[in-house]
N, C-alpha and C. Protein backbone atom coordinates (compact mmCIF):
# COMPACT_ATOMS: atom_id res chain seq x y z
N MET A 1 0.58 -0.66 0.04
CA MET A 1 -0.07 0.18 0.10
C MET A 1 0.87 1.03 0.01
N TYR A 2 0.26 2.06 -0.66
CA TYR A 2 1.14 3.33 -0.79
C TYR A 2 0.38 5.05 -0.18
N ASN A 3 0.93 5.51 0.01
CA ASN A 3 0.60 6.77 0.62
C ASN A 3 1.21 8.01 -0.11
N ILE A 4 0.77 9.09 0.38
CA ILE A 4 1.32 10.35 -0.36
C ILE A 4 3.01 10.27 -0.20
N MET A 5 3.39 9.97 1.05
CA MET A 5 4.86 9.93 0.86
C MET A 5 5.64 8.98 0.78
N GLY A 6 4.94 7.88 0.33
CA GLY A 6 5.49 6.67 -0.53
C GLY A 6 5.10 5.36 0.23
N TYR A 7 5.80 4.35 0.32
CA TYR A 7 5.72 3.18 1.19
C TYR A 7 4.93 3.35 2.39
N TRP A 8 4.27 2.37 2.65
CA TRP A 8 3.26 2.44 3.70
C TRP A 8 3.64 1.05 4.47
N PRO A 9 4.84 1.22 5.54
CA PRO A 9 5.08 -0.17 6.53
C PRO A 9 4.44 -0.86 7.17
N PHE A 10 3.05 -0.63 7.47
CA PHE A 10 2.46 -1.05 8.33
C PHE A 10 0.94 -1.87 7.54
N ASN A 11 0.90 -3.05 7.86
CA ASN A 11 -0.09 -3.43 7.69
C ASN A 11 -1.37 -2.72 7.57
N PRO A 12 -2.55 -2.55 7.49
CA PRO A 12 -3.91 -1.79 7.52
C PRO A 12 -4.29 -2.89 8.71
N LEU A 13 -4.32 -4.39 8.63
CA LEU A 13 -5.19 -5.18 9.10
C LEU A 13 -4.78 -5.49 11.09
N TYR A 14 -3.79 -5.12 10.90
CA TYR A 14 -3.02 -4.95 12.21
C TYR A 14 -3.83 -3.63 12.92
N PHE A 15 -4.53 -2.75 12.37
CA PHE A 15 -5.36 -1.88 13.35
C PHE A 15 -6.92 -2.46 13.39
N VAL A 16 -7.30 -3.02 12.96
CA VAL A 16 -8.48 -3.78 13.23
C VAL A 16 -8.79 -4.16 14.54
N PRO A 17 -8.01 -4.80 15.22
CA PRO A 17 -8.20 -5.56 16.22
C PRO A 17 -8.06 -4.15 17.41
N ILE A 18 -6.98 -3.19 17.33
CA ILE A 18 -6.82 -2.28 17.98
C ILE A 18 -8.16 -1.33 18.33
N LEU A 19 -8.74 -1.10 16.81
CA LEU A 19 -9.79 -0.19 16.63
C LEU A 19 -11.26 -0.91 17.24
N LEU A 20 -11.14 -2.34 17.12
CA LEU A 20 -12.35 -3.08 18.03
C LEU A 20 -11.96 -2.81 19.28
N TRP A 21 -11.07 -3.11 19.96
CA TRP A 21 -11.21 -2.95 21.31
C TRP A 21 -11.52 -1.22 22.19
N SER A 22 -10.78 -0.82 21.28
CA SER A 22 -10.98 1.06 22.18
C SER A 22 -12.27 1.21 21.31
N LEU A 23 -12.98 0.65 20.49
CA LEU A 23 -14.41 1.29 20.37
C LEU A 23 -15.16 0.60 21.21
N ALA A 24 -15.10 -0.75 22.00
CA ALA A 24 -15.61 -1.36 22.70
C ALA A 24 -15.63 -0.82 23.94
N TRP A 25 -14.34 -0.40 24.47
CA TRP A 25 -14.15 0.35 25.70
C TRP A 25 -14.48 1.72 25.69
N LYS A 26 -14.68 2.48 24.60
CA LYS A 26 -15.16 3.95 24.30
C LYS A 26 -16.97 3.49 24.59
N GLY A 27 -17.66 2.46 24.10
CA GLY A 27 -19.00 2.74 24.13
C GLY A 27 -18.89 2.53 25.24
N ILE A 28 -18.68 1.35 25.97
CA ILE A 28 -19.08 0.98 27.53
C ILE A 28 -19.19 2.23 28.30
N ALA A 29 -17.64 2.80 28.22
CA ALA A 29 -17.63 3.97 29.23
C ALA A 29 -18.22 4.97 28.72
N LEU A 30 -18.77 5.77 27.52
CA LEU A 30 -19.51 6.53 27.44
C LEU A 30 -20.93 6.09 28.02
N TRP A 31 -20.91 5.25 27.82
CA TRP A 31 -22.68 4.69 28.14
C TRP A 31 -22.59 4.89 29.65
N LYS A 32 -21.77 4.50 30.42
CA LYS A 32 -21.75 4.48 32.10
C LYS A 32 -21.36 6.12 32.04
N ALA A 33 -21.02 6.83 31.65
CA ALA A 33 -20.73 8.25 32.03
C ALA A 33 -21.88 8.91 31.89
N ALA A 34 -22.53 8.83 30.83
CA ALA A 34 -23.90 9.18 30.44
C ALA A 34 -25.35 8.79 31.37
N LYS A 35 -25.32 7.37 31.95
CA LYS A 35 -26.39 6.93 32.67
C LYS A 35 -25.86 7.93 34.13
N HIS A 36 -24.83 7.73 34.36
CA HIS A 36 -24.55 8.73 35.71
C HIS A 36 -24.19 10.16 36.09
N GLU A 37 -24.34 11.16 34.87
CA GLU A 37 -24.80 11.99 34.34
C GLU A 37 -23.10 12.82 34.58
N GLN A 38 -22.09 12.12 34.62
CA GLN A 38 -21.08 12.89 34.40
C GLN A 38 -20.23 13.63 33.27
N LYS A 39 -20.88 14.78 33.15
CA LYS A 39 -20.71 15.56 31.57
C LYS A 39 -19.01 15.39 31.46
N ALA A 40 -18.63 15.93 32.68
CA ALA A 40 -16.88 16.21 31.86
C ALA A 40 -16.22 15.04 31.79
N TRP A 41 -16.58 13.53 32.35
CA TRP A 41 -16.05 12.71 31.54
C TRP A 41 -16.46 12.37 30.21
N PHE A 42 -17.87 12.64 30.02
CA PHE A 42 -18.32 11.91 28.88
C PHE A 42 -17.59 12.64 27.87
N VAL A 43 -17.47 14.05 27.61
CA VAL A 43 -17.13 14.79 27.05
C VAL A 43 -15.10 14.14 27.06
N ALA A 44 -14.61 13.94 28.15
CA ALA A 44 -13.12 13.83 28.04
C ALA A 44 -13.01 12.64 27.17
N LEU A 45 -13.84 11.46 27.44
CA LEU A 45 -13.83 10.44 26.84
C LEU A 45 -14.70 10.38 25.38
N LEU A 46 -14.97 11.30 25.23
CA LEU A 46 -15.64 10.93 23.68
C LEU A 46 -14.45 11.83 22.93
N ILE A 47 -13.65 13.02 23.63
CA ILE A 47 -12.80 13.45 22.44
C ILE A 47 -11.02 12.69 22.81
N VAL A 48 -10.70 12.48 23.89
CA VAL A 48 -9.42 11.63 24.17
C VAL A 48 -9.25 10.14 23.71
N ASN A 49 -8.46 10.26 22.57
CA ASN A 49 -8.32 9.03 22.08
C ASN A 49 -7.29 8.38 22.62
N THR A 50 -7.27 7.35 23.82
CA THR A 50 -6.34 6.60 24.12
C THR A 50 -6.37 5.35 24.53
N VAL A 51 -6.92 4.23 23.07
CA VAL A 51 -6.78 2.85 22.50
C VAL A 51 -7.16 2.11 24.05
N GLY A 52 -8.09 2.96 24.76
CA GLY A 52 -9.38 2.29 26.02
C GLY A 52 -8.68 2.18 27.29
N LEU A 53 -7.57 2.79 27.29
CA LEU A 53 -6.51 2.97 28.86
C LEU A 53 -7.40 3.70 29.42
N LEU A 54 -7.69 5.26 29.03
CA LEU A 54 -8.34 6.02 29.64
C LEU A 54 -9.84 5.79 29.91
N GLU A 55 -10.71 4.74 29.39
CA GLU A 55 -12.10 4.28 29.86
C GLU A 55 -11.80 2.81 30.43
N ILE A 56 -10.77 2.49 30.46
CA ILE A 56 -10.83 1.33 31.42
C ILE A 56 -10.29 2.15 32.97
N ALA A 57 -9.65 2.96 33.04
CA ALA A 57 -9.27 3.83 34.38
C ALA A 57 -10.62 4.36 34.31
N TYR A 58 -11.67 5.15 33.62
CA TYR A 58 -12.59 5.49 34.22
C TYR A 58 -13.69 4.45 35.09
N ILE A 59 -13.84 3.46 33.77
CA ILE A 59 -14.32 2.36 34.71
C ILE A 59 -14.03 1.68 36.01
N LEU A 60 -13.04 1.95 35.96
CA LEU A 60 -12.32 0.91 37.35
C LEU A 60 -12.27 1.71 38.73
N PHE A 61 -11.82 2.92 38.65
CA PHE A 61 -11.22 4.15 39.48
C PHE A 61 -12.19 5.38 39.51
N PHE A 62 -13.11 6.24 38.83
CA PHE A 62 -13.53 6.94 38.75
C PHE A 62 -15.33 7.20 38.64
N GLN A 63 -16.04 6.18 38.39
CA GLN A 63 -17.26 5.72 37.74
C GLN A 63 -17.92 5.89 39.02
N LYS A 64 -18.93 6.51 39.38
CA LYS A 64 -20.16 6.71 40.50
C LYS A 64 -20.59 5.36 41.12
N THR A 65 -20.57 5.04 41.74
CA THR A 65 -21.29 3.87 42.38
C THR A 65 -22.85 3.98 42.07
N PRO A 66 -23.38 3.10 41.47
CA PRO A 66 -24.83 3.46 41.00
C PRO A 66 -25.68 3.61 42.60
N VAL A 67 -26.48 4.34 42.35
CA VAL A 67 -27.95 4.46 43.76
C VAL A 67 -28.46 3.68 43.52
N ILE A 68 -29.35 2.28 44.42
CA ILE A 68 -30.70 1.90 44.13
C ILE A 68 -31.19 2.29 44.68
N VAL A 69 -32.19 2.89 44.69
CA VAL A 69 -33.66 2.77 45.27
C VAL A 69 -34.67 1.90 45.00
N ALA A 70 -35.01 1.53 46.43
CA ALA A 70 -35.83 0.33 47.09
C ALA A 70 -37.08 1.30 47.19
N LYS A 71 -38.09 0.23 46.93
CA LYS A 71 -39.48 0.62 47.75
C LYS A 71 -39.55 0.42 48.84
N LYS A 72 -40.34 0.89 49.56
CA LYS A 72 -40.58 0.68 50.80
C LYS A 72 -41.13 -1.34 51.08
N PRO A 73 -41.48 -1.65 51.96
CA PRO A 73 -42.17 -3.26 51.70
C PRO A 73 -43.65 -2.40 51.09
N VAL A 74 -44.09 -1.51 52.73
CA VAL A 74 -45.64 -0.87 52.49
C VAL A 74 -45.68 -0.50 50.80
N GLN A 75 -45.04 -0.08 50.56
CA GLN A 75 -45.71 0.82 49.30
C GLN A 75 -45.84 -0.17 48.07
N ALA A 76 -44.58 -1.14 48.40
CA ALA A 76 -44.62 -2.22 47.41
C ALA A 76 -45.93 -3.26 47.51
N LYS A 77 -46.56 -3.54 48.82
CA LYS A 77 -47.71 -4.04 48.89
C LYS A 77 -48.85 -3.33 48.08
N GLN A 78 -48.95 -1.69 48.47
CA GLN A 78 -49.60 -0.99 47.90
C GLN A 78 -50.23 -0.93 46.43
N ALA A 79 -48.62 -1.24 45.65
CA ALA A 79 -48.78 -0.92 44.32
C ALA A 79 -49.07 -2.16 43.42
N VAL A 80 -48.56 -3.44 44.37
CA VAL A 80 -49.42 -4.67 43.70
C VAL A 80 -51.00 -5.07 44.06
N ALA A 81 -50.96 -4.44 45.31
CA ALA A 81 -52.97 -4.08 45.83
C ALA A 81 -53.28 -3.44 44.46
N ALA A 82 -52.99 -1.92 44.03
CA ALA A 82 -53.50 -1.12 43.16
C ALA A 82 -53.46 -1.97 41.64
N LYS A 83 -52.47 -2.71 41.49
CA LYS A 83 -52.36 -3.69 39.99
C LYS A 83 -53.91 -4.86 40.26
N LYS A 84 -54.16 -5.43 41.27
CA LYS A 84 -55.02 -6.37 41.31
C LYS A 84 -56.24 -5.67 41.18
N LYS A 85 -56.68 -4.58 41.81
CA LYS A 85 -57.88 -3.71 41.77
C LYS A 85 -57.92 -3.47 40.19
N GLY A 86 -57.03 -3.04 39.34
CA GLY A 86 -56.89 -2.35 38.02
C GLY A 86 -57.42 -3.28 37.21
N ARG A 87 -57.08 -4.70 37.34
CA ARG A 87 -57.41 -5.57 36.35
C ARG A 87 -58.83 -5.98 36.27
N LYS A 88 -59.42 -6.50 35.35
CA LYS A 88 -60.64 -6.95 35.25
C LYS A 88 -60.84 -8.39 35.59
N ARG A 89 -61.54 -9.00 35.92
CA ARG A 89 -61.29 -10.59 36.53
C ARG A 89 -62.52 -11.07 35.51
N LYS A 90 -62.59 -12.35 35.08
CA LYS A 90 -63.80 -13.48 34.02
C LYS A 90 -64.18 -13.83 34.85
């Protein structure tokens, strides 16, 4: 393969695994940053291209821990009761 400067010494097929590796980590990291509403991290991950290193560091060290909001048992029972009332019985 030739480019403007002459002979291209690298086989383009070597870039395919690197591209797939980077794309997978970037997708996961961007999804997690958007989900946790971390806008600065989202922009940084979108712009900076580090072949997955920044993305892995974000996922392992800087990602917010997800907050799980559970219903109280009383609210859960009331929700189930409300659904049962709404159903028409045959």
